[in-house]
Amino acid sequence: MDENYYLNRPVDAIDIFISCYSIFHKDDKFQLFRPNEPMYFLDSIRADSGLIETLEPDQIALVSVYKDSSAIKLGGIQAKNGLIYFTTKSFARTHYWNYFKSKSIEYQKAFPNLKNENQVIYILNGKILKSNIEAELFGINDSNFIELTVISSDRLKNDFNISDKSIGVIVKTSIQK
């Protein structure tokens, strides 16, 4: 095999193999998830408790807990012991950044990527967001979104007395927080 040839080529495809062992081998000893635990999701992907335990508290933006019939309604009978969604800050940030880009050309121009977000201050329904920003903005969607306005540092200083950020983003939703 010519290693140099393959090292300098772009990847054409990736094969993913998924085991169907548990479908064809009905052995109760094999279980991907522990049967007596809640059903866990990390950034909308089913996870086991071992993965959840590796999370640091400062990585988590939001935790949603469902019990009893609410859990079963969302996750089926496997969620009989509860259902817990963990949303990381990075997942939430990417989620609202993509959503806001789809709603505002000015936002798209001001933030072509997330690396400059430390220069941004978000104002949600008149409230200046200083902490837990990702959790506050993650739930914004078409059912509650009203308007997004990007404002300059001058307006930030004059209207909100904020001088340590270069750009402000004012978001209005139908849900008052």
N, C-alpha and C. Protein backbone atom coordinates (compact mmCIF):
# COMPACT_ATOMS: atom_id res chain seq x y z
N MET A 1 0.84 -1.16 0.00
CA MET A 1 0.00 0.00 0.00
C MET A 1 0.89 1.24 0.00
N ASP A 2 0.54 2.21 -0.81
CA ASP A 2 1.28 3.46 -0.90
C ASP A 2 0.75 4.44 0.15
N GLU A 3 1.42 4.52 1.29
CA GLU A 3 0.96 5.34 2.41
C GLU A 3 0.90 6.82 2.05
N ASN A 4 1.89 7.35 1.34
CA ASN A 4 1.90 8.76 0.97
C ASN A 4 0.70 9.14 0.10
N TYR A 5 0.31 8.24 -0.79
CA TYR A 5 -0.84 8.49 -1.65
C TYR A 5 -2.09 8.71 -0.81
N TYR A 6 -2.33 7.86 0.18
CA TYR A 6 -3.54 7.94 0.99
C TYR A 6 -3.48 9.05 2.03
N LEU A 7 -2.32 9.38 2.53
CA LEU A 7 -2.20 10.45 3.52
C LEU A 7 -2.52 11.82 2.95
N ASN A 8 -2.33 12.02 1.67
CA ASN A 8 -2.55 13.32 1.05
C ASN A 8 -3.87 13.44 0.32
N ARG A 9 -4.74 12.47 0.47
CA ARG A 9 -6.05 12.49 -0.18
C ARG A 9 -7.12 12.89 0.83
N PRO A 10 -8.16 13.57 0.37
CA PRO A 10 -9.28 13.85 1.27
C PRO A 10 -10.04 12.55 1.58
N VAL A 11 -10.73 12.55 2.67
CA VAL A 11 -11.53 11.39 3.05
C VAL A 11 -12.74 11.32 2.12
N ASP A 12 -12.91 10.18 1.46
CA ASP A 12 -14.03 10.01 0.54
C ASP A 12 -15.29 9.56 1.24
N ALA A 13 -15.12 8.75 2.27
CA ALA A 13 -16.29 8.23 2.98
C ALA A 13 -15.83 7.62 4.29
N ILE A 14 -16.80 7.45 5.17
CA ILE A 14 -16.54 6.80 6.45
C ILE A 14 -17.59 5.72 6.63
N ASP A 15 -17.14 4.53 6.98
CA ASP A 15 -18.06 3.43 7.26
C ASP A 15 -18.33 3.39 8.76
N ILE A 16 -19.60 3.28 9.12
CA ILE A 16 -19.99 3.15 10.52
C ILE A 16 -20.67 1.81 10.69
N PHE A 17 -20.21 1.05 11.65
CA PHE A 17 -20.80 -0.25 11.93
C PHE A 17 -21.51 -0.18 13.27
N ILE A 18 -22.73 -0.66 13.31
CA ILE A 18 -23.52 -0.69 14.52
C ILE A 18 -23.85 -2.14 14.84
N SER A 19 -23.64 -2.49 16.08
CA SER A 19 -23.90 -3.85 16.49
C SER A 19 -25.39 -4.08 16.72
N CYS A 20 -25.89 -5.13 16.16
CA CYS A 20 -27.28 -5.55 16.39
C CYS A 20 -27.29 -6.81 17.24
N TYR A 21 -26.25 -6.99 18.02
CA TYR A 21 -26.10 -8.20 18.82
C TYR A 21 -27.32 -8.44 19.69
N SER A 22 -27.80 -7.38 20.35
CA SER A 22 -28.91 -7.57 21.29
C SER A 22 -30.22 -7.89 20.57
N ILE A 23 -30.34 -7.53 19.32
CA ILE A 23 -31.56 -7.83 18.57
C ILE A 23 -31.62 -9.31 18.22
N PHE A 24 -30.49 -9.88 17.83
CA PHE A 24 -30.46 -11.26 17.37
C PHE A 24 -30.11 -12.26 18.47
N HIS A 25 -29.59 -11.79 19.58
CA HIS A 25 -29.25 -12.65 20.71
C HIS A 25 -30.04 -12.18 21.92
N LYS A 26 -31.14 -12.78 22.15
CA LYS A 26 -32.06 -12.36 23.21
C LYS A 26 -31.59 -12.83 24.58
N ASP A 27 -30.35 -12.56 24.89
CA ASP A 27 -29.79 -12.92 26.19
C ASP A 27 -29.96 -11.73 27.13
N ASP A 28 -30.62 -11.95 28.26
CA ASP A 28 -30.88 -10.87 29.20
C ASP A 28 -29.59 -10.33 29.84
N LYS A 29 -28.50 -11.04 29.70
CA LYS A 29 -27.25 -10.59 30.30
C LYS A 29 -26.63 -9.43 29.54
N PHE A 30 -26.96 -9.30 28.26
CA PHE A 30 -26.40 -8.22 27.46
C PHE A 30 -27.36 -7.04 27.44
N GLN A 31 -26.91 -5.92 28.00
CA GLN A 31 -27.72 -4.70 27.97
C GLN A 31 -26.80 -3.51 27.79
N LEU A 32 -27.14 -2.68 26.85
CA LEU A 32 -26.34 -1.50 26.58
C LEU A 32 -26.48 -0.48 27.71
N PHE A 33 -27.69 -0.34 28.26
CA PHE A 33 -27.96 0.59 29.34
C PHE A 33 -28.46 -0.18 30.55
N ARG A 34 -28.14 0.29 31.73
CA ARG A 34 -28.56 -0.38 32.96
C ARG A 34 -30.07 -0.26 33.12
N PRO A 35 -30.75 -1.36 33.41
CA PRO A 35 -32.22 -1.36 33.42
C PRO A 35 -32.87 -0.58 34.56
N ASN A 36 -32.20 -0.41 35.68
CA ASN A 36 -32.82 0.24 36.83
C ASN A 36 -32.42 1.70 36.98
N GLU A 37 -31.84 2.28 35.95
CA GLU A 37 -31.45 3.68 35.98
C GLU A 37 -32.41 4.51 35.16
N PRO A 38 -32.41 5.81 35.38
CA PRO A 38 -33.17 6.68 34.48
C PRO A 38 -32.58 6.61 33.07
N MET A 39 -33.34 7.03 32.11
CA MET A 39 -32.85 7.14 30.74
C MET A 39 -32.14 8.50 30.65
N TYR A 40 -30.87 8.49 30.24
CA TYR A 40 -30.08 9.71 30.15
C TYR A 40 -29.89 10.13 28.70
N PHE A 41 -29.90 11.44 28.47
CA PHE A 41 -29.55 12.00 27.18
C PHE A 41 -28.54 13.10 27.41
N LEU A 42 -27.50 13.12 26.60
CA LEU A 42 -26.49 14.17 26.64
C LEU A 42 -26.49 14.85 25.28
N ASP A 43 -26.87 16.11 25.28
CA ASP A 43 -26.96 16.88 24.03
C ASP A 43 -27.79 16.15 22.98
N SER A 44 -28.91 15.63 23.42
CA SER A 44 -29.94 14.95 22.61
C SER A 44 -29.54 13.56 22.12
N ILE A 45 -28.45 13.00 22.64
CA ILE A 45 -28.02 11.65 22.27
C ILE A 45 -28.10 10.77 23.51
N ARG A 46 -28.68 9.59 23.37
CA ARG A 46 -28.81 8.66 24.50
C ARG A 46 -27.43 8.32 25.04
N ALA A 47 -27.29 8.38 26.36
CA ALA A 47 -26.00 8.14 27.00
C ALA A 47 -26.19 7.26 28.22
N ASP A 48 -25.10 6.69 28.71
CA ASP A 48 -25.19 5.91 29.95
C ASP A 48 -24.67 6.75 31.11
N SER A 49 -24.92 6.28 32.31
CA SER A 49 -24.55 7.04 33.50
C SER A 49 -23.04 7.26 33.59
N GLY A 50 -22.25 6.34 33.06
CA GLY A 50 -20.79 6.50 33.08
C GLY A 50 -20.35 7.74 32.33
N LEU A 51 -20.94 8.00 31.19
CA LEU A 51 -20.61 9.19 30.42
C LEU A 51 -21.07 10.45 31.15
N ILE A 52 -22.24 10.40 31.72
CA ILE A 52 -22.78 11.55 32.44
C ILE A 52 -21.87 11.91 33.62
N GLU A 53 -21.33 10.90 34.28
CA GLU A 53 -20.47 11.13 35.44
C GLU A 53 -19.17 11.83 35.07
N THR A 54 -18.78 11.81 33.80
CA THR A 54 -17.54 12.48 33.39
C THR A 54 -17.73 13.97 33.19
N LEU A 55 -18.96 14.44 33.17
CA LEU A 55 -19.21 15.87 32.98
C LEU A 55 -18.78 16.68 34.19
N GLU A 56 -18.19 17.81 33.94
CA GLU A 56 -17.86 18.76 35.01
C GLU A 56 -19.06 19.70 35.15
N PRO A 57 -19.37 20.13 36.35
CA PRO A 57 -20.53 21.02 36.55
C PRO A 57 -20.49 22.29 35.69
N ASP A 58 -19.31 22.84 35.45
CA ASP A 58 -19.24 24.08 34.66
C ASP A 58 -19.44 23.84 33.16
N GLN A 59 -19.56 22.58 32.75
CA GLN A 59 -19.86 22.26 31.34
C GLN A 59 -21.36 22.21 31.08
N ILE A 60 -22.16 22.13 32.13
CA ILE A 60 -23.59 21.90 31.98
C ILE A 60 -24.35 23.23 31.96
N ALA A 61 -25.17 23.40 30.94
CA ALA A 61 -26.01 24.59 30.82
C ALA A 61 -27.38 24.35 31.42
N LEU A 62 -27.90 23.14 31.21
CA LEU A 62 -29.28 22.87 31.55
C LEU A 62 -29.48 21.39 31.83
N VAL A 63 -30.29 21.10 32.84
CA VAL A 63 -30.68 19.73 33.14
C VAL A 63 -32.20 19.71 33.22
N SER A 64 -32.82 18.82 32.46
CA SER A 64 -34.28 18.67 32.48
C SER A 64 -34.60 17.27 32.99
N VAL A 65 -35.43 17.20 34.01
CA VAL A 65 -35.76 15.93 34.64
C VAL A 65 -37.25 15.64 34.45
N TYR A 66 -37.55 14.44 33.97
CA TYR A 66 -38.93 14.00 33.78
C TYR A 66 -39.15 12.73 34.58
N LYS A 67 -40.32 12.65 35.22
CA LYS A 67 -40.64 11.47 36.03
C LYS A 67 -41.98 10.90 35.60
N ASP A 68 -42.20 9.66 36.01
CA ASP A 68 -43.48 8.98 35.87
C ASP A 68 -43.99 9.02 34.43
N SER A 69 -45.25 9.39 34.23
CA SER A 69 -45.86 9.33 32.90
C SER A 69 -45.22 10.31 31.93
N SER A 70 -44.70 11.42 32.43
CA SER A 70 -44.01 12.38 31.54
C SER A 70 -42.78 11.74 30.92
N ALA A 71 -42.04 11.00 31.74
CA ALA A 71 -40.83 10.34 31.24
C ALA A 71 -41.19 9.25 30.24
N ILE A 72 -42.19 8.46 30.56
CA ILE A 72 -42.60 7.37 29.66
C ILE A 72 -43.15 7.92 28.36
N LYS A 73 -43.86 9.03 28.41
CA LYS A 73 -44.38 9.65 27.20
C LYS A 73 -43.24 10.06 26.26
N LEU A 74 -42.15 10.56 26.83
CA LEU A 74 -41.01 11.01 26.02
C LEU A 74 -40.09 9.87 25.59
N GLY A 75 -39.83 8.91 26.50
CA GLY A 75 -38.82 7.90 26.22
C GLY A 75 -39.31 6.48 26.10
N GLY A 76 -40.62 6.29 26.25
CA GLY A 76 -41.15 4.94 26.18
C GLY A 76 -40.95 4.21 27.50
N ILE A 77 -41.23 2.93 27.51
CA ILE A 77 -41.18 2.13 28.73
C ILE A 77 -39.78 2.07 29.33
N GLN A 78 -38.76 2.26 28.50
CA GLN A 78 -37.38 2.26 29.01
C GLN A 78 -37.13 3.44 29.96
N ALA A 79 -38.00 4.44 29.93
CA ALA A 79 -37.85 5.60 30.80
C ALA A 79 -38.71 5.49 32.06
N LYS A 80 -39.10 4.29 32.41
CA LYS A 80 -39.98 4.09 33.58
C LYS A 80 -39.33 4.57 34.88
N ASN A 81 -38.00 4.63 34.92
CA ASN A 81 -37.28 5.12 36.10
C ASN A 81 -36.90 6.59 35.97
N GLY A 82 -37.47 7.27 35.01
CA GLY A 82 -37.18 8.68 34.80
C GLY A 82 -36.40 8.93 33.53
N LEU A 83 -36.37 10.18 33.13
CA LEU A 83 -35.64 10.59 31.93
C LEU A 83 -34.96 11.91 32.25
N ILE A 84 -33.67 11.98 31.98
CA ILE A 84 -32.90 13.18 32.32
C ILE A 84 -32.12 13.64 31.09
N TYR A 85 -32.37 14.88 30.69
CA TYR A 85 -31.65 15.51 29.57
C TYR A 85 -30.57 16.43 30.15
N PHE A 86 -29.34 16.24 29.71
CA PHE A 86 -28.24 17.14 30.04
C PHE A 86 -27.89 17.89 28.77
N THR A 87 -27.84 19.20 28.87
CA THR A 87 -27.44 20.03 27.74
C THR A 87 -26.16 20.75 28.13
N THR A 88 -25.09 20.52 27.38
CA THR A 88 -23.83 21.18 27.68
C THR A 88 -23.86 22.62 27.17
N LYS A 89 -23.00 23.44 27.75
CA LYS A 89 -22.92 24.85 27.35
C LYS A 89 -22.50 24.96 25.88
N SER A 90 -21.56 24.14 25.46
CA SER A 90 -21.10 24.24 24.06
C SER A 90 -22.20 23.85 23.09
N PHE A 91 -22.98 22.83 23.42
CA PHE A 91 -24.10 22.42 22.57
C PHE A 91 -25.16 23.52 22.52
N ALA A 92 -25.50 24.08 23.67
CA ALA A 92 -26.50 25.14 23.74
C ALA A 92 -26.04 26.37 22.96
N ARG A 93 -24.77 26.73 23.12
CA ARG A 93 -24.21 27.90 22.44
C ARG A 93 -24.29 27.72 20.92
N THR A 94 -23.89 26.57 20.45
CA THR A 94 -23.96 26.30 19.01
C THR A 94 -25.41 26.32 18.52
N HIS A 95 -26.30 25.80 19.34
CA HIS A 95 -27.72 25.76 18.99
C HIS A 95 -28.28 27.17 18.81
N TYR A 96 -28.13 28.04 19.81
CA TYR A 96 -28.73 29.37 19.67
C TYR A 96 -27.96 30.23 18.66
N TRP A 97 -26.66 30.02 18.52
CA TRP A 97 -25.89 30.76 17.52
C TRP A 97 -26.42 30.45 16.11
N ASN A 98 -26.61 29.18 15.81
CA ASN A 98 -27.17 28.81 14.50
C ASN A 98 -28.58 29.35 14.32
N TYR A 99 -29.39 29.29 15.36
CA TYR A 99 -30.75 29.79 15.27
C TYR A 99 -30.76 31.30 15.00
N PHE A 100 -29.96 32.05 15.77
CA PHE A 100 -29.93 33.49 15.59
C PHE A 100 -29.37 33.88 14.22
N LYS A 101 -28.39 33.12 13.71
CA LYS A 101 -27.88 33.39 12.36
C LYS A 101 -28.98 33.23 11.32
N SER A 102 -29.88 32.28 11.54
CA SER A 102 -30.97 32.05 10.59
C SER A 102 -32.02 33.16 10.65
N LYS A 103 -32.02 33.94 11.71
CA LYS A 103 -33.03 34.98 11.90
C LYS A 103 -32.55 36.39 11.60
N SER A 104 -31.24 36.59 11.52
CA SER A 104 -30.72 37.95 11.36
C SER A 104 -29.44 37.97 10.53
N ILE A 105 -29.47 38.71 9.46
CA ILE A 105 -28.26 38.88 8.63
C ILE A 105 -27.22 39.69 9.40
N GLU A 106 -27.66 40.67 10.18
CA GLU A 106 -26.72 41.47 10.98
C GLU A 106 -25.98 40.58 11.99
N TYR A 107 -26.71 39.66 12.62
CA TYR A 107 -26.08 38.73 13.56
C TYR A 107 -25.08 37.84 12.82
N GLN A 108 -25.47 37.38 11.64
CA GLN A 108 -24.60 36.53 10.82
C GLN A 108 -23.30 37.26 10.49
N LYS A 109 -23.40 38.53 10.14
CA LYS A 109 -22.22 39.32 9.80
C LYS A 109 -21.36 39.60 11.03
N ALA A 110 -22.00 39.89 12.15
CA ALA A 110 -21.26 40.21 13.38
C ALA A 110 -20.58 38.99 13.97
N PHE A 111 -21.18 37.80 13.79
CA PHE A 111 -20.67 36.57 14.39
C PHE A 111 -20.58 35.45 13.37
N PRO A 112 -19.62 35.52 12.45
CA PRO A 112 -19.50 34.43 11.48
C PRO A 112 -19.05 33.13 12.14
N ASN A 113 -18.50 33.22 13.36
CA ASN A 113 -18.14 32.04 14.14
C ASN A 113 -18.26 32.38 15.63
N LEU A 114 -18.10 31.39 16.46
CA LEU A 114 -18.30 31.59 17.89
C LEU A 114 -17.07 32.08 18.65
N LYS A 115 -15.94 32.20 17.99
CA LYS A 115 -14.72 32.55 18.72
C LYS A 115 -14.73 33.97 19.29
N ASN A 116 -15.58 34.85 18.76
CA ASN A 116 -15.64 36.23 19.26
C ASN A 116 -16.79 36.46 20.23
N GLU A 117 -17.43 35.41 20.68
CA GLU A 117 -18.61 35.60 21.50
C GLU A 117 -18.31 36.23 22.86
N ASN A 118 -17.06 36.19 23.31
CA ASN A 118 -16.73 36.83 24.58
C ASN A 118 -16.84 38.35 24.50
N GLN A 119 -16.99 38.88 23.31
CA GLN A 119 -17.18 40.33 23.12
C GLN A 119 -18.65 40.73 23.03
N VAL A 120 -19.53 39.74 23.25
CA VAL A 120 -20.97 39.96 23.07
C VAL A 120 -21.67 39.95 24.43
N ILE A 121 -22.68 40.80 24.54
CA ILE A 121 -23.58 40.73 25.69
C ILE A 121 -24.98 40.55 25.14
N TYR A 122 -25.72 39.62 25.71
CA TYR A 122 -27.08 39.35 25.29
C TYR A 122 -28.05 40.01 26.26
N ILE A 123 -29.09 40.59 25.70
CA ILE A 123 -30.15 41.22 26.49
C ILE A 123 -31.44 40.55 26.06
N LEU A 124 -32.02 39.77 26.97
CA LEU A 124 -33.21 38.99 26.67
C LEU A 124 -34.42 39.60 27.35
N ASN A 125 -35.35 40.07 26.57
CA ASN A 125 -36.58 40.68 27.09
C ASN A 125 -36.28 41.76 28.13
N GLY A 126 -35.27 42.58 27.84
CA GLY A 126 -34.90 43.68 28.72
C GLY A 126 -33.95 43.32 29.84
N LYS A 127 -33.63 42.04 30.02
CA LYS A 127 -32.74 41.58 31.08
C LYS A 127 -31.34 41.33 30.51
N ILE A 128 -30.34 41.97 31.11
CA ILE A 128 -28.96 41.76 30.69
C ILE A 128 -28.51 40.41 31.24
N LEU A 129 -28.11 39.52 30.34
CA LEU A 129 -27.69 38.18 30.76
C LEU A 129 -26.22 38.19 31.15
N LYS A 130 -25.97 37.89 32.42
CA LYS A 130 -24.60 37.88 32.93
C LYS A 130 -24.14 36.48 33.30
N SER A 131 -25.06 35.61 33.63
CA SER A 131 -24.69 34.24 33.98
C SER A 131 -25.74 33.28 33.41
N ASN A 132 -25.33 32.04 33.25
CA ASN A 132 -26.20 31.00 32.71
C ASN A 132 -26.84 31.40 31.37
N ILE A 133 -26.06 32.08 30.58
CA ILE A 133 -26.52 32.61 29.29
C ILE A 133 -27.01 31.50 28.38
N GLU A 134 -26.26 30.40 28.35
CA GLU A 134 -26.60 29.30 27.45
C GLU A 134 -27.98 28.72 27.76
N ALA A 135 -28.28 28.55 29.03
CA ALA A 135 -29.58 28.00 29.42
C ALA A 135 -30.71 28.97 29.09
N GLU A 136 -30.45 30.26 29.27
CA GLU A 136 -31.47 31.28 28.99
C GLU A 136 -31.81 31.33 27.50
N LEU A 137 -30.80 31.18 26.65
CA LEU A 137 -31.01 31.34 25.21
C LEU A 137 -31.34 30.04 24.48
N PHE A 138 -31.05 28.89 25.10
CA PHE A 138 -31.23 27.60 24.45
C PHE A 138 -32.70 27.33 24.07
N GLY A 139 -33.62 27.78 24.88
CA GLY A 139 -35.04 27.49 24.64
C GLY A 139 -35.73 28.38 23.64
N ILE A 140 -35.00 29.29 23.03
CA ILE A 140 -35.61 30.18 22.04
C ILE A 140 -35.78 29.43 20.73
N ASN A 141 -37.00 29.48 20.19
CA ASN A 141 -37.31 28.80 18.94
C ASN A 141 -38.44 29.55 18.23
N ASP A 142 -38.91 29.00 17.13
CA ASP A 142 -39.93 29.68 16.33
C ASP A 142 -41.24 29.91 17.09
N SER A 143 -41.51 29.12 18.11
CA SER A 143 -42.77 29.29 18.83
C SER A 143 -42.75 30.47 19.80
N ASN A 144 -41.55 30.96 20.16
CA ASN A 144 -41.51 32.08 21.10
C ASN A 144 -40.65 33.27 20.63
N PHE A 145 -39.92 33.11 19.55
CA PHE A 145 -39.05 34.17 19.04
C PHE A 145 -39.87 35.30 18.44
N ILE A 146 -39.50 36.55 18.77
CA ILE A 146 -40.15 37.71 18.18
C ILE A 146 -39.17 38.53 17.34
N GLU A 147 -38.02 38.89 17.94
CA GLU A 147 -37.13 39.82 17.25
C GLU A 147 -35.72 39.73 17.80
N LEU A 148 -34.73 40.01 16.94
CA LEU A 148 -33.34 40.08 17.33
C LEU A 148 -32.73 41.33 16.71
N THR A 149 -32.02 42.11 17.53
CA THR A 149 -31.37 43.33 17.07
C THR A 149 -29.93 43.34 17.54
N VAL A 150 -29.01 43.60 16.62
CA VAL A 150 -27.60 43.74 16.98
C VAL A 150 -27.33 45.23 17.16
N ILE A 151 -26.70 45.59 18.30
CA ILE A 151 -26.42 47.00 18.56
C ILE A 151 -24.92 47.22 18.77
N SER A 152 -24.50 48.45 18.53
CA SER A 152 -23.08 48.82 18.61
C SER A 152 -22.63 49.04 20.05
N SER A 153 -21.32 49.17 20.21
CA SER A 153 -20.76 49.43 21.54
C SER A 153 -21.20 50.79 22.06
N ASP A 154 -21.38 51.77 21.16
CA ASP A 154 -21.85 53.10 21.59
C ASP A 154 -23.25 53.00 22.20
N ARG A 155 -24.13 52.28 21.52
CA ARG A 155 -25.49 52.14 22.04
C ARG A 155 -25.49 51.32 23.34
N LEU A 156 -24.61 50.32 23.40
CA LEU A 156 -24.49 49.54 24.63
C LEU A 156 -24.12 50.44 25.81
N LYS A 157 -23.18 51.33 25.57
CA LYS A 157 -22.72 52.22 26.63
C LYS A 157 -23.81 53.23 27.00
N ASN A 158 -24.44 53.83 25.99
CA ASN A 158 -25.45 54.85 26.24
C ASN A 158 -26.74 54.29 26.84
N ASP A 159 -27.24 53.21 26.28
CA ASP A 159 -28.55 52.68 26.71
C ASP A 159 -28.47 51.71 27.89
N PHE A 160 -27.35 51.01 28.03
CA PHE A 160 -27.27 49.96 29.05
C PHE A 160 -26.10 50.12 30.01
N ASN A 161 -25.30 51.17 29.83
CA ASN A 161 -24.14 51.43 30.68
C ASN A 161 -23.16 50.25 30.69
N ILE A 162 -22.98 49.65 29.52
CA ILE A 162 -22.05 48.52 29.37
C ILE A 162 -20.90 48.97 28.49
N SER A 163 -19.68 48.93 29.02
CA SER A 163 -18.53 49.40 28.25
C SER A 163 -17.48 48.32 28.00
N ASP A 164 -17.65 47.15 28.60
CA ASP A 164 -16.64 46.10 28.43
C ASP A 164 -16.95 45.12 27.31
N LYS A 165 -18.01 45.34 26.55
CA LYS A 165 -18.37 44.49 25.41
C LYS A 165 -18.46 45.36 24.17
N SER A 166 -18.14 44.77 23.03
CA SER A 166 -18.13 45.56 21.79
C SER A 166 -19.45 45.49 21.03
N ILE A 167 -20.26 44.47 21.28
CA ILE A 167 -21.52 44.32 20.55
C ILE A 167 -22.59 43.80 21.50
N GLY A 168 -23.79 44.29 21.30
CA GLY A 168 -24.92 43.80 22.07
C GLY A 168 -25.92 43.12 21.16
N VAL A 169 -26.60 42.13 21.70
CA VAL A 169 -27.65 41.44 20.97
C VAL A 169 -28.91 41.50 21.82
N ILE A 170 -29.92 42.20 21.32
CA ILE A 170 -31.18 42.32 22.03
C ILE A 170 -32.14 41.30 21.42
N VAL A 171 -32.65 40.43 22.27
CA VAL A 171 -33.57 39.38 21.83
C VAL A 171 -34.89 39.56 22.55
N LYS A 172 -35.96 39.52 21.75
CA LYS A 172 -37.31 39.60 22.32
C LYS A 172 -38.03 38.30 22.02
N THR A 173 -38.65 37.75 23.05
CA THR A 173 -39.43 36.52 22.90
C THR A 173 -40.80 36.73 23.55
N SER A 174 -41.69 35.82 23.29
CA SER A 174 -43.02 35.89 23.90
C SER A 174 -43.02 35.31 25.31
N ILE A 175 -41.93 34.70 25.71
CA ILE A 175 -41.82 34.15 27.07
C ILE A 175 -41.01 35.13 27.90
N GLN A 176 -41.59 35.65 28.95
CA GLN A 176 -40.89 36.58 29.84
C GLN A 176 -40.17 35.78 30.90
N LYS A 177 -38.86 35.99 31.02
CA LYS A 177 -38.06 35.26 32.02
C LYS A 177 -37.72 36.18 33.16
